[in-house]
Every structure is written in structure tokens, then in C-alpha cells.
Amino acid sequence: ECGKRFRLKINLIIHQRSHAKEGPYECPVDCGKTFVCHSWLLRHQTSHTGERPYKCSKCDKTYRRKDYLLNHQRRH
């Protein structure tokens, strides 16, 4: 145990998975990566598809992840 505490049981379960070497969600592209959360796997899969669904309204740059776009927009 690392001593971390969580209010919600699901957050504890996700955290416990992070201590494991491999997560239960494996990338279907056979890149060898595994993830502890399904949403992290979905986010990772855009690295294989080249999909860039998040577009800046000011300069038309595109990003794979929404957090990358938001970080970019703070610089305008």
C-alpha cells in the first residue's frame, strides 16, 4: 500500500491498477501499451489514427487531445 486515500471506491480501484505493471485495457494495434482506464486507451488510440478532432477557432491548428487545444488557446 502507498497510503493514498480516496472518497470513492472507483478512484481507489483505478489507483490500485496504476501500481500494476500492466493495465486491463490493451491497445488493439499491438503497440504493446496497456492502460488502467478505458478512456486512457481511447485517448491513446488517436496516436495511431492521426485523428485531430480539436481545432483552434483563432488559428485553425488542430490537436489530438482537448487538453492540448486548451493549453494552446491560453497562449493566444
N, C-alpha and C. Protein backbone atom coordinates (compact mmCIF):
# COMPACT_ATOMS: atom_id res chain seq x y z
N GLU A 1 0.83 -1.20 0.00
CA GLU A 1 0.00 0.00 0.00
C GLU A 1 0.87 1.25 0.00
N CYS A 2 0.42 2.27 -0.70
CA CYS A 2 1.16 3.52 -0.78
C CYS A 2 0.62 4.55 0.21
N GLY A 3 -0.51 4.27 0.83
CA GLY A 3 -1.05 5.18 1.83
C GLY A 3 -2.05 6.20 1.31
N LYS A 4 -2.28 6.23 0.01
CA LYS A 4 -3.25 7.18 -0.55
C LYS A 4 -4.65 6.77 -0.15
N ARG A 5 -5.50 7.79 0.04
CA ARG A 5 -6.90 7.54 0.40
C ARG A 5 -7.81 8.18 -0.63
N PHE A 6 -8.96 7.56 -0.82
CA PHE A 6 -9.92 8.06 -1.80
C PHE A 6 -11.32 8.02 -1.21
N ARG A 7 -12.12 9.01 -1.57
CA ARG A 7 -13.51 9.03 -1.10
C ARG A 7 -14.36 8.02 -1.86
N LEU A 8 -14.09 7.90 -3.15
CA LEU A 8 -14.88 6.98 -3.98
C LEU A 8 -14.10 5.69 -4.23
N LYS A 9 -14.79 4.58 -4.10
CA LYS A 9 -14.15 3.27 -4.28
C LYS A 9 -13.57 3.12 -5.69
N ILE A 10 -14.26 3.64 -6.70
CA ILE A 10 -13.77 3.51 -8.08
C ILE A 10 -12.42 4.19 -8.24
N ASN A 11 -12.21 5.32 -7.57
CA ASN A 11 -10.92 6.00 -7.65
C ASN A 11 -9.81 5.18 -7.01
N LEU A 12 -10.14 4.47 -5.94
CA LEU A 12 -9.18 3.57 -5.31
C LEU A 12 -8.82 2.43 -6.26
N ILE A 13 -9.81 1.86 -6.91
CA ILE A 13 -9.58 0.75 -7.84
C ILE A 13 -8.68 1.19 -8.99
N ILE A 14 -8.97 2.35 -9.56
CA ILE A 14 -8.14 2.87 -10.65
C ILE A 14 -6.72 3.11 -10.16
N HIS A 15 -6.58 3.66 -8.97
CA HIS A 15 -5.25 3.91 -8.42
C HIS A 15 -4.50 2.60 -8.19
N GLN A 16 -5.18 1.60 -7.67
CA GLN A 16 -4.53 0.31 -7.43
C GLN A 16 -4.03 -0.30 -8.73
N ARG A 17 -4.79 -0.13 -9.79
CA ARG A 17 -4.36 -0.63 -11.10
C ARG A 17 -3.09 0.08 -11.56
N SER A 18 -2.93 1.34 -11.18
CA SER A 18 -1.74 2.09 -11.61
C SER A 18 -0.46 1.52 -11.01
N HIS A 19 -0.57 0.79 -9.91
CA HIS A 19 0.60 0.16 -9.30
C HIS A 19 1.01 -1.11 -10.04
N ALA A 20 0.11 -1.67 -10.80
CA ALA A 20 0.41 -2.89 -11.56
C ALA A 20 1.24 -2.53 -12.79
N LYS A 21 2.01 -3.47 -13.26
CA LYS A 21 2.85 -3.25 -14.45
C LYS A 21 2.00 -3.09 -15.70
N GLU A 22 0.88 -3.78 -15.77
CA GLU A 22 0.03 -3.74 -16.95
C GLU A 22 -1.40 -3.42 -16.55
N GLY A 23 -2.08 -2.69 -17.41
CA GLY A 23 -3.49 -2.40 -17.20
C GLY A 23 -4.35 -3.41 -17.93
N PRO A 24 -5.63 -3.44 -17.62
CA PRO A 24 -6.52 -4.41 -18.26
C PRO A 24 -6.95 -4.02 -19.67
N TYR A 25 -6.64 -2.80 -20.09
CA TYR A 25 -7.07 -2.34 -21.42
C TYR A 25 -5.86 -2.27 -22.34
N GLU A 26 -5.81 -3.19 -23.28
CA GLU A 26 -4.66 -3.32 -24.18
C GLU A 26 -4.96 -2.69 -25.54
N CYS A 27 -3.99 -1.99 -26.08
CA CYS A 27 -4.15 -1.36 -27.39
C CYS A 27 -4.31 -2.43 -28.46
N PRO A 28 -5.37 -2.34 -29.27
CA PRO A 28 -5.61 -3.36 -30.29
C PRO A 28 -4.67 -3.27 -31.49
N VAL A 29 -3.85 -2.22 -31.56
CA VAL A 29 -2.94 -2.03 -32.68
C VAL A 29 -1.64 -2.81 -32.46
N ASP A 30 -1.53 -3.49 -31.33
CA ASP A 30 -0.34 -4.27 -30.99
C ASP A 30 0.91 -3.42 -30.82
N CYS A 31 0.76 -2.24 -30.23
CA CYS A 31 1.94 -1.42 -29.94
C CYS A 31 2.51 -1.80 -28.58
N GLY A 32 1.81 -2.69 -27.87
CA GLY A 32 2.31 -3.17 -26.59
C GLY A 32 1.89 -2.35 -25.39
N LYS A 33 1.13 -1.29 -25.60
CA LYS A 33 0.74 -0.44 -24.48
C LYS A 33 -0.56 -0.94 -23.85
N THR A 34 -0.61 -0.83 -22.52
CA THR A 34 -1.82 -1.16 -21.78
C THR A 34 -2.17 0.02 -20.88
N PHE A 35 -3.43 0.10 -20.50
CA PHE A 35 -3.92 1.24 -19.74
C PHE A 35 -4.82 0.80 -18.61
N VAL A 36 -4.82 1.58 -17.53
CA VAL A 36 -5.65 1.23 -16.38
C VAL A 36 -7.08 1.73 -16.54
N CYS A 37 -7.31 2.66 -17.44
CA CYS A 37 -8.66 3.19 -17.69
C CYS A 37 -9.00 3.07 -19.17
N HIS A 38 -10.23 2.70 -19.46
CA HIS A 38 -10.67 2.58 -20.85
C HIS A 38 -10.55 3.92 -21.57
N SER A 39 -10.86 5.01 -20.88
CA SER A 39 -10.78 6.33 -21.51
C SER A 39 -9.35 6.68 -21.90
N TRP A 40 -8.37 6.20 -21.13
CA TRP A 40 -6.97 6.46 -21.48
C TRP A 40 -6.60 5.69 -22.74
N LEU A 41 -7.13 4.48 -22.89
CA LEU A 41 -6.91 3.70 -24.11
C LEU A 41 -7.50 4.43 -25.31
N LEU A 42 -8.73 4.91 -25.18
CA LEU A 42 -9.37 5.62 -26.30
C LEU A 42 -8.56 6.85 -26.69
N ARG A 43 -8.07 7.58 -25.71
CA ARG A 43 -7.25 8.76 -25.99
C ARG A 43 -5.96 8.35 -26.69
N HIS A 44 -5.34 7.27 -26.26
CA HIS A 44 -4.11 6.77 -26.87
C HIS A 44 -4.32 6.38 -28.33
N GLN A 45 -5.47 5.79 -28.63
CA GLN A 45 -5.71 5.28 -29.98
C GLN A 45 -5.64 6.38 -31.04
N THR A 46 -5.87 7.63 -30.67
CA THR A 46 -5.76 8.70 -31.66
C THR A 46 -4.32 8.87 -32.13
N SER A 47 -3.36 8.37 -31.36
CA SER A 47 -1.96 8.46 -31.80
C SER A 47 -1.71 7.54 -32.99
N HIS A 48 -2.52 6.50 -33.14
CA HIS A 48 -2.38 5.58 -34.27
C HIS A 48 -3.19 6.04 -35.48
N THR A 49 -4.32 6.66 -35.24
CA THR A 49 -5.21 7.03 -36.34
C THR A 49 -4.84 8.36 -36.98
N GLY A 50 -4.12 9.20 -36.24
CA GLY A 50 -3.79 10.53 -36.75
C GLY A 50 -4.95 11.51 -36.61
N GLU A 51 -6.03 11.06 -35.98
CA GLU A 51 -7.20 11.90 -35.79
C GLU A 51 -6.85 13.12 -34.93
N ARG A 52 -7.29 14.30 -35.37
CA ARG A 52 -7.04 15.54 -34.64
C ARG A 52 -8.36 16.33 -34.60
N PRO A 53 -9.28 15.91 -33.75
CA PRO A 53 -10.63 16.48 -33.77
C PRO A 53 -10.79 17.84 -33.10
N TYR A 54 -9.76 18.32 -32.41
CA TYR A 54 -9.89 19.58 -31.68
C TYR A 54 -9.18 20.69 -32.43
N LYS A 55 -9.97 21.69 -32.89
CA LYS A 55 -9.45 22.75 -33.75
C LYS A 55 -9.55 24.10 -33.06
N CYS A 56 -8.47 24.86 -33.14
CA CYS A 56 -8.44 26.21 -32.59
C CYS A 56 -9.27 27.13 -33.49
N SER A 57 -10.14 27.90 -32.89
CA SER A 57 -11.01 28.79 -33.66
C SER A 57 -10.29 30.06 -34.12
N LYS A 58 -9.12 30.31 -33.56
CA LYS A 58 -8.39 31.53 -33.92
C LYS A 58 -7.33 31.33 -34.99
N CYS A 59 -6.71 30.15 -35.02
CA CYS A 59 -5.62 29.96 -35.99
C CYS A 59 -5.73 28.65 -36.78
N ASP A 60 -6.76 27.87 -36.54
CA ASP A 60 -7.03 26.63 -37.26
C ASP A 60 -6.04 25.50 -36.99
N LYS A 61 -5.18 25.61 -35.97
CA LYS A 61 -4.33 24.48 -35.60
C LYS A 61 -5.22 23.39 -35.02
N THR A 62 -4.83 22.15 -35.21
CA THR A 62 -5.61 21.03 -34.71
C THR A 62 -4.78 20.19 -33.73
N TYR A 63 -5.51 19.50 -32.85
CA TYR A 63 -4.87 18.72 -31.80
C TYR A 63 -5.59 17.40 -31.60
N ARG A 64 -4.83 16.40 -31.13
CA ARG A 64 -5.38 15.09 -30.82
C ARG A 64 -6.23 15.12 -29.55
N ARG A 65 -5.82 15.94 -28.61
CA ARG A 65 -6.46 15.95 -27.30
C ARG A 65 -6.99 17.34 -26.95
N LYS A 66 -8.10 17.35 -26.25
CA LYS A 66 -8.72 18.61 -25.86
C LYS A 66 -7.82 19.41 -24.92
N ASP A 67 -7.11 18.73 -24.02
CA ASP A 67 -6.24 19.46 -23.11
C ASP A 67 -5.09 20.13 -23.86
N TYR A 68 -4.62 19.54 -24.97
CA TYR A 68 -3.59 20.18 -25.78
C TYR A 68 -4.14 21.46 -26.42
N LEU A 69 -5.38 21.39 -26.91
CA LEU A 69 -6.01 22.57 -27.51
C LEU A 69 -6.18 23.67 -26.46
N LEU A 70 -6.68 23.32 -25.29
CA LEU A 70 -6.89 24.33 -24.25
C LEU A 70 -5.58 24.98 -23.84
N ASN A 71 -4.53 24.21 -23.76
CA ASN A 71 -3.21 24.77 -23.44
C ASN A 71 -2.77 25.73 -24.53
N HIS A 72 -2.98 25.37 -25.78
CA HIS A 72 -2.64 26.23 -26.91
C HIS A 72 -3.44 27.53 -26.87
N GLN A 73 -4.74 27.43 -26.60
CA GLN A 73 -5.60 28.60 -26.61
C GLN A 73 -5.24 29.61 -25.53
N ARG A 74 -4.67 29.15 -24.44
CA ARG A 74 -4.25 30.07 -23.38
C ARG A 74 -3.11 30.99 -23.84
N ARG A 75 -2.43 30.59 -24.90
CA ARG A 75 -1.29 31.37 -25.40
C ARG A 75 -1.69 32.45 -26.39
N HIS A 76 -2.93 32.44 -26.86
CA HIS A 76 -3.39 33.46 -27.82
C HIS A 76 -3.58 34.79 -27.12
